[in-house]
Amino acid sequence: MTPAIEPVVQRFLEYKRALGRKYHSEEHELRLLVRFLEQRGVTALDQITPALLEDFLASRPRTHPRSFNHLLGVVRCLLDWAVSQQLLAVSPLRTRRRRSTSWRIPFVFDTDQARQLLRAAASLPDRSRAPQRGATYRTIFALCYGLGLRAGEACGLRLGDIDFDRAALVVRGGKFGKSRLVPFGPHIGELLAEQVERRRAAGPALDAGAPLFTFDGRRCVHPCTASQTFHHLVATLNLPVADGVSPPRLHDLRHSFAVGRLLRWYREGADPSTHLHQLSTFLGHVNPASTAVYLRMTLELLDEANRRFEAFARPVWEEMAR
């Protein structure tokens, strides 16, 4: 007998979370699917038809291909898992992904542009509900650019997450629920020490669970608030944006870290392809394929790649010229 849809969805969610996935938005979308099917009297897994799935997808207006494809992917993943568990003979899903005609090219900050941003952040005036605003945002943005942290990871740090003896951050609950150690150098260490000192001055008895970045002493600075501040600052810097490149956003600091690391490997004479696993682990990615999305070719990278190719090909050219 084919099982009911609701328990199957619950088992699927438990399976995904056992793998370390948070699956919050995906759970919401699957609950919408269950409710849609129940309203049409469909409660058993084998009662799901291609037409019903088409109707469900059409009932969720998704104007952007990426959003539609995400919803489609969640449904496909559920049904494919049901097939793998022998709960279904074959998946009833027939809908194809929508083609995305454009792909966002991220803005990559160079060192000078990053310094401009940090100086602008440091000069932010305090507000009645946001004391030490400039130093706080300067440190958050420095962690995103200097260590490649996600905005939510930087904003969510606690005092106990800093290990000065080992010069490492404990980044907890990143994407897919993963936690990791992120080493930092002396410059980042100084910024963190200054931030800790500011927090201790505000509350000497703070425990390890107290937020590192906060304006009210209780709640962490919200990543959306940090993003709004970032956009306000960028607008004042008048940074040149090349054709086809989207305006800067906070997550681009993380992109810039990855591209910068690749550029340094080229300049050091290292083979970047052999180090991608290290970069992937540092950034908290599941695999190097996720990291590769961040590695956009820039003029500096192109110059370094050309120099390496010329050095590789020079003996051949010299031999041919004889």
Protein backbone atom coordinates (compact mmCIF):
# COMPACT_ATOMS: atom_id res chain seq x y z
CA MET A 1 0.00 0.00 0.00
CA THR A 2 1.34 3.41 -0.93
CA PRO A 3 2.09 5.56 2.13
CA ALA A 4 0.40 8.86 2.91
CA ILE A 5 2.12 12.00 1.67
CA GLU A 6 2.43 13.81 5.01
CA PRO A 7 4.56 11.15 6.80
CA VAL A 8 6.73 10.74 3.71
CA VAL A 9 7.48 14.46 3.67
CA GLN A 10 8.35 14.32 7.37
CA ARG A 11 10.72 11.39 6.84
CA PHE A 12 12.33 13.21 3.94
CA LEU A 13 12.89 16.34 6.06
CA GLU A 14 14.43 14.25 8.85
CA TYR A 15 16.72 12.59 6.31
CA LYS A 16 17.92 15.95 4.97
CA ARG A 17 18.51 17.36 8.44
CA ALA A 18 20.42 14.26 9.45
CA LEU A 19 22.83 15.24 6.65
CA GLY A 20 23.29 18.67 8.24
CA ARG A 21 20.88 20.62 6.06
CA LYS A 22 18.69 23.25 7.72
CA TYR A 23 15.94 22.90 5.11
CA HIS A 24 13.71 25.65 6.53
CA SER A 25 12.53 27.29 3.30
CA GLU A 26 12.31 23.87 1.65
CA GLU A 27 10.06 22.60 4.43
CA HIS A 28 7.75 25.57 3.92
CA GLU A 29 7.49 24.79 0.21
CA LEU A 30 6.80 21.11 0.82
CA ARG A 31 4.08 21.98 3.34
CA LEU A 32 2.48 24.12 0.64
CA LEU A 33 2.56 21.10 -1.67
CA VAL A 34 0.93 18.86 0.96
CA ARG A 35 -1.81 21.43 1.59
CA PHE A 36 -2.41 21.87 -2.15
CA LEU A 37 -2.81 18.11 -2.64
CA GLU A 38 -5.06 17.70 0.41
CA GLN A 39 -7.39 20.40 -0.94
CA ARG A 40 -7.79 18.24 -4.04
CA GLY A 41 -8.44 15.08 -2.04
CA VAL A 42 -5.00 13.60 -2.71
CA THR A 43 -3.41 12.05 0.39
CA ALA A 44 -1.53 9.01 -0.95
CA LEU A 45 1.83 9.22 -2.70
CA ASP A 46 0.77 7.19 -5.75
CA GLN A 47 -2.17 9.55 -6.37
CA ILE A 48 0.15 12.37 -7.38
CA THR A 49 0.02 12.91 -11.14
CA PRO A 50 2.08 15.06 -13.53
CA ALA A 51 -0.96 17.29 -14.07
CA LEU A 52 -1.37 17.89 -10.33
CA LEU A 53 2.27 18.88 -10.01
CA GLU A 54 1.93 21.23 -12.99
CA ASP A 55 -1.07 22.85 -11.31
CA PHE A 56 0.82 23.21 -8.03
CA LEU A 57 3.79 24.88 -9.68
CA ALA A 58 1.48 27.18 -11.61
CA SER A 59 -0.29 28.12 -8.35
CA ARG A 60 2.96 29.48 -6.90
CA PRO A 61 3.76 32.57 -9.00
CA ARG A 62 7.53 32.66 -9.52
CA THR A 63 8.50 35.35 -12.00
CA HIS A 64 12.24 34.69 -11.84
CA PRO A 65 13.61 31.44 -13.28
CA ARG A 66 15.91 30.94 -10.30
CA SER A 67 13.02 31.08 -7.83
CA PHE A 68 10.89 28.74 -9.94
CA ASN A 69 13.77 26.30 -10.40
CA HIS A 70 14.38 26.23 -6.65
CA LEU A 71 10.76 25.25 -5.97
CA LEU A 72 10.89 22.69 -8.77
CA GLY A 73 14.15 21.29 -7.38
CA VAL A 74 12.69 20.80 -3.90
CA VAL A 75 9.71 18.88 -5.28
CA ARG A 76 11.99 16.82 -7.55
CA CYS A 77 14.31 16.00 -4.68
CA LEU A 78 11.40 14.74 -2.56
CA LEU A 79 10.00 12.52 -5.30
CA ASP A 80 13.40 11.17 -6.36
CA TRP A 81 14.09 10.29 -2.73
CA ALA A 82 10.72 8.50 -2.55
CA VAL A 83 11.74 6.46 -5.60
CA SER A 84 15.11 5.61 -4.03
CA GLN A 85 13.25 4.40 -0.92
CA GLN A 86 10.97 2.25 -3.11
CA LEU A 87 7.94 4.26 -2.01
CA LEU A 88 7.24 5.12 -5.66
CA ALA A 89 8.02 3.19 -8.81
CA VAL A 90 8.78 6.33 -10.79
CA SER A 91 8.62 10.07 -10.17
CA PRO A 92 5.49 11.72 -11.61
CA LEU A 93 7.27 15.04 -12.09
CA ARG A 94 7.62 15.98 -15.77
CA THR A 95 8.13 19.74 -15.55
CA ARG A 96 11.43 21.09 -16.85
CA ARG A 97 13.57 23.81 -15.39
CA ARG A 98 13.15 27.31 -16.76
CA ARG A 99 16.06 28.66 -18.68
CA SER A 100 17.77 31.61 -17.07
CA THR A 101 18.73 34.12 -19.74
CA SER A 102 20.95 36.18 -17.46
CA TRP A 103 23.37 35.40 -14.67
CA ARG A 104 24.39 37.95 -12.12
CA ILE A 105 28.07 38.84 -12.34
CA PRO A 106 29.23 39.83 -8.85
CA PHE A 107 31.18 42.97 -8.13
CA VAL A 108 34.72 42.12 -7.00
CA PHE A 109 36.34 44.61 -4.61
CA ASP A 110 40.02 45.22 -5.08
CA THR A 111 42.20 46.10 -2.08
CA ASP A 112 41.88 49.87 -2.52
CA GLN A 113 38.10 49.72 -2.86
CA ALA A 114 37.85 47.54 0.24
CA ARG A 115 39.95 50.07 2.18
CA GLN A 116 37.62 52.86 1.03
CA LEU A 117 34.64 50.90 2.29
CA LEU A 118 36.24 50.19 5.68
CA ARG A 119 37.25 53.84 6.12
CA ALA A 120 33.72 54.95 5.28
CA ALA A 121 32.28 52.43 7.74
CA ALA A 122 34.65 53.57 10.50
CA SER A 123 33.47 57.17 10.04
CA LEU A 124 29.78 56.34 10.60
CA PRO A 125 28.41 58.47 13.45
CA ASP A 126 26.85 56.90 16.53
CA ARG A 127 23.10 56.88 16.98
CA SER A 128 21.04 56.84 20.14
CA ARG A 129 20.21 53.17 19.57
CA ALA A 130 23.47 52.27 17.82
CA PRO A 131 26.52 53.21 19.91
CA GLN A 132 29.97 52.58 18.40
CA ARG A 133 28.29 52.09 15.07
CA GLY A 134 31.32 52.86 12.93
CA ALA A 135 33.72 50.47 14.66
CA THR A 136 31.09 47.73 14.67
CA TYR A 137 30.36 47.84 10.95
CA ARG A 138 34.02 48.30 10.05
CA THR A 139 34.85 45.06 11.85
CA ILE A 140 31.89 43.16 10.36
CA PHE A 141 32.82 44.21 6.82
CA ALA A 142 36.49 43.43 7.48
CA LEU A 143 35.56 39.87 8.50
CA CYS A 144 33.49 39.41 5.34
CA TYR A 145 36.31 40.68 3.11
CA GLY A 146 39.34 39.43 5.03
CA LEU A 147 38.05 35.98 6.01
CA GLY A 148 35.27 35.39 3.48
CA LEU A 149 32.58 35.06 6.13
CA ARG A 150 28.93 35.25 5.19
CA ALA A 151 27.19 38.32 6.61
CA GLY A 152 25.05 36.16 8.89
CA GLU A 153 28.14 34.33 10.15
CA ALA A 154 29.99 37.55 10.98
CA CYS A 155 26.99 39.22 12.62
CA GLY A 156 26.17 36.11 14.64
CA LEU A 157 29.58 35.72 16.31
CA ARG A 158 29.71 35.41 20.10
CA LEU A 159 32.48 36.45 22.46
CA GLY A 160 33.33 32.80 23.11
CA ASP A 161 33.78 32.13 19.40
CA ILE A 162 37.17 33.89 19.36
CA ASP A 163 40.19 31.79 20.28
CA PHE A 164 43.08 34.26 20.49
CA ASP A 165 45.54 31.56 21.57
CA ARG A 166 45.03 29.64 18.33
CA ALA A 167 44.17 32.76 16.28
CA ALA A 168 40.95 31.16 15.06
CA LEU A 169 37.23 31.87 14.97
CA VAL A 170 34.60 29.25 15.65
CA VAL A 171 31.94 29.94 13.02
CA ARG A 172 28.79 28.15 14.16
CA GLY A 173 25.67 27.21 12.29
CA GLY A 174 26.74 28.29 8.82
CA LYS A 175 25.00 27.24 5.65
CA PHE A 176 23.67 23.64 5.84
CA GLY A 177 24.12 23.86 9.63
CA LYS A 178 27.89 23.39 9.40
CA SER A 179 30.34 24.84 11.92
CA ARG A 180 34.03 25.38 11.21
CA LEU A 181 37.27 26.88 12.48
CA VAL A 182 38.51 29.92 10.56
CA PRO A 183 42.08 31.06 11.28
CA PHE A 184 42.84 34.77 11.21
CA GLY A 185 45.98 36.87 10.87
CA PRO A 186 47.34 39.70 13.02
CA HIS A 187 45.34 42.52 11.37
CA ILE A 188 42.01 40.77 11.84
CA GLY A 189 43.17 39.74 15.30
CA GLU A 190 43.69 43.39 16.25
CA LEU A 191 40.21 44.34 15.04
CA LEU A 192 38.66 41.46 16.99
CA ALA A 193 40.62 42.34 20.14
CA GLU A 194 39.43 45.94 19.90
CA GLN A 195 35.82 44.80 19.44
CA VAL A 196 36.06 42.48 22.45
CA GLU A 197 37.52 45.33 24.51
CA ARG A 198 34.61 47.58 23.54
CA ARG A 199 32.13 44.88 24.51
CA ARG A 200 33.87 44.20 27.84
CA ALA A 201 33.89 47.92 28.61
CA ALA A 202 30.13 48.02 28.08
CA GLY A 203 29.53 44.94 30.25
CA PRO A 204 32.49 43.54 32.22
CA ALA A 205 30.54 40.48 33.38
CA LEU A 206 29.60 39.30 29.89
CA ASP A 207 29.74 35.55 29.37
CA ALA A 208 31.00 33.63 26.33
CA GLY A 209 27.52 33.49 24.83
CA ALA A 210 27.14 37.26 24.62
CA PRO A 211 27.01 38.66 21.08
CA LEU A 212 30.22 40.13 19.71
CA PHE A 213 28.35 42.67 17.56
CA THR A 214 25.32 44.27 19.20
CA PHE A 215 23.78 47.67 19.73
CA ASP A 216 21.41 46.82 22.58
CA GLY A 217 23.67 44.40 24.46
CA ARG A 218 21.32 41.46 23.93
CA ARG A 219 20.72 40.82 20.24
CA CYS A 220 23.26 40.38 17.47
CA VAL A 221 23.35 42.99 14.72
CA HIS A 222 20.99 41.69 12.06
CA PRO A 223 22.57 40.86 8.67
CA CYS A 224 19.82 42.78 6.88
CA THR A 225 20.70 45.89 8.88
CA ALA A 226 24.36 45.38 8.00
CA SER A 227 23.37 45.01 4.33
CA GLN A 228 21.37 48.25 4.40
CA THR A 229 24.34 50.09 5.94
CA PHE A 230 26.65 48.57 3.32
CA HIS A 231 24.44 49.80 0.46
CA HIS A 232 24.27 53.28 2.00
CA LEU A 233 28.08 53.45 2.20
CA VAL A 234 28.68 52.07 -1.29
CA ALA A 235 26.39 54.74 -2.75
CA THR A 236 28.68 57.41 -1.29
CA LEU A 237 31.87 55.86 -2.70
CA ASN A 238 30.87 56.03 -6.40
CA LEU A 239 32.74 52.83 -7.20
CA PRO A 240 33.04 52.14 -10.97
CA VAL A 241 30.82 49.24 -12.01
CA ALA A 242 31.70 47.58 -15.33
CA ASP A 243 29.07 46.79 -17.95
CA GLY A 244 27.27 43.54 -17.17
CA VAL A 245 28.29 43.61 -13.51
CA SER A 246 25.63 44.09 -10.83
CA PRO A 247 25.98 46.88 -8.26
CA PRO A 248 27.94 45.87 -5.15
CA ARG A 249 26.17 43.97 -2.41
CA LEU A 250 27.42 42.78 0.97
CA HIS A 251 27.87 39.17 -0.16
CA ASP A 252 30.31 40.39 -2.82
CA LEU A 253 32.90 40.90 -0.08
CA ARG A 254 32.93 37.12 0.28
CA HIS A 255 33.27 36.73 -3.50
CA SER A 256 36.16 39.18 -3.40
CA PHE A 257 37.94 37.16 -0.73
CA ALA A 258 37.79 34.00 -2.87
CA VAL A 259 39.01 35.78 -6.02
CA GLY A 260 41.78 37.47 -4.04
CA ARG A 261 42.96 34.16 -2.64
CA LEU A 262 43.09 32.69 -6.15
CA LEU A 263 45.09 35.68 -7.37
CA ARG A 264 47.64 35.27 -4.56
CA TRP A 265 48.08 31.58 -5.43
CA TYR A 266 48.87 32.56 -9.01
CA ARG A 267 51.40 35.15 -7.87
CA GLU A 268 53.02 32.68 -5.46
CA GLY A 269 53.45 30.18 -8.28
CA ALA A 270 51.06 27.66 -6.75
CA ASP A 271 48.58 25.54 -8.70
CA PRO A 272 45.13 26.88 -7.68
CA SER A 273 43.36 23.66 -8.70
CA THR A 274 45.25 21.70 -6.03
CA HIS A 275 44.17 24.15 -3.32
CA LEU A 276 40.46 24.41 -4.09
CA HIS A 277 39.61 21.83 -1.41
CA GLN A 278 41.34 24.02 1.17
CA LEU A 279 39.49 27.12 0.02
CA SER A 280 36.21 25.19 -0.04
CA THR A 281 36.74 24.06 3.57
CA PHE A 282 37.75 27.57 4.66
CA LEU A 283 34.58 29.07 3.15
CA GLY A 284 32.35 26.36 4.62
CA HIS A 285 31.25 24.90 1.29
CA VAL A 286 30.05 21.34 0.79
CA ASN A 287 32.41 20.76 -2.13
CA PRO A 288 34.78 22.67 -4.47
CA ALA A 289 32.03 22.96 -7.10
CA SER A 290 30.26 25.42 -4.79
CA THR A 291 33.49 27.37 -4.39
CA ALA A 292 34.01 27.58 -8.15
CA VAL A 293 30.90 29.78 -8.42
CA TYR A 294 32.79 32.48 -6.52
CA LEU A 295 35.84 32.43 -8.77
CA ARG A 296 35.10 35.05 -11.40
CA MET A 297 37.82 35.94 -13.90
CA THR A 298 39.18 39.48 -13.46
CA LEU A 299 41.77 41.42 -15.44
CA GLU A 300 44.36 40.74 -12.74
CA LEU A 301 43.65 37.01 -12.83
CA LEU A 302 43.79 37.04 -16.61
CA ASP A 303 47.19 38.76 -16.53
CA GLU A 304 48.55 36.21 -14.06
CA ALA A 305 47.18 33.32 -16.12
CA ASN A 306 48.79 34.79 -19.25
CA ARG A 307 52.15 35.12 -17.50
CA ARG A 308 51.99 31.53 -16.36
CA PHE A 309 51.11 30.31 -19.85
CA GLU A 310 53.93 32.34 -21.38
CA ALA A 311 56.43 30.87 -18.92
CA PHE A 312 55.12 27.38 -19.72
CA ALA A 313 55.22 27.88 -23.49
CA ARG A 314 58.49 29.84 -23.73
CA PRO A 315 60.77 26.76 -24.14
CA VAL A 316 58.59 25.55 -27.01
CA TRP A 317 58.64 28.96 -28.72
CA GLU A 318 62.40 29.24 -28.33
CA GLU A 319 62.88 25.75 -29.77
CA MET A 320 60.67 26.60 -32.76
CA ALA A 321 62.57 29.86 -33.37
CA ARG A 322 65.91 28.07 -33.77
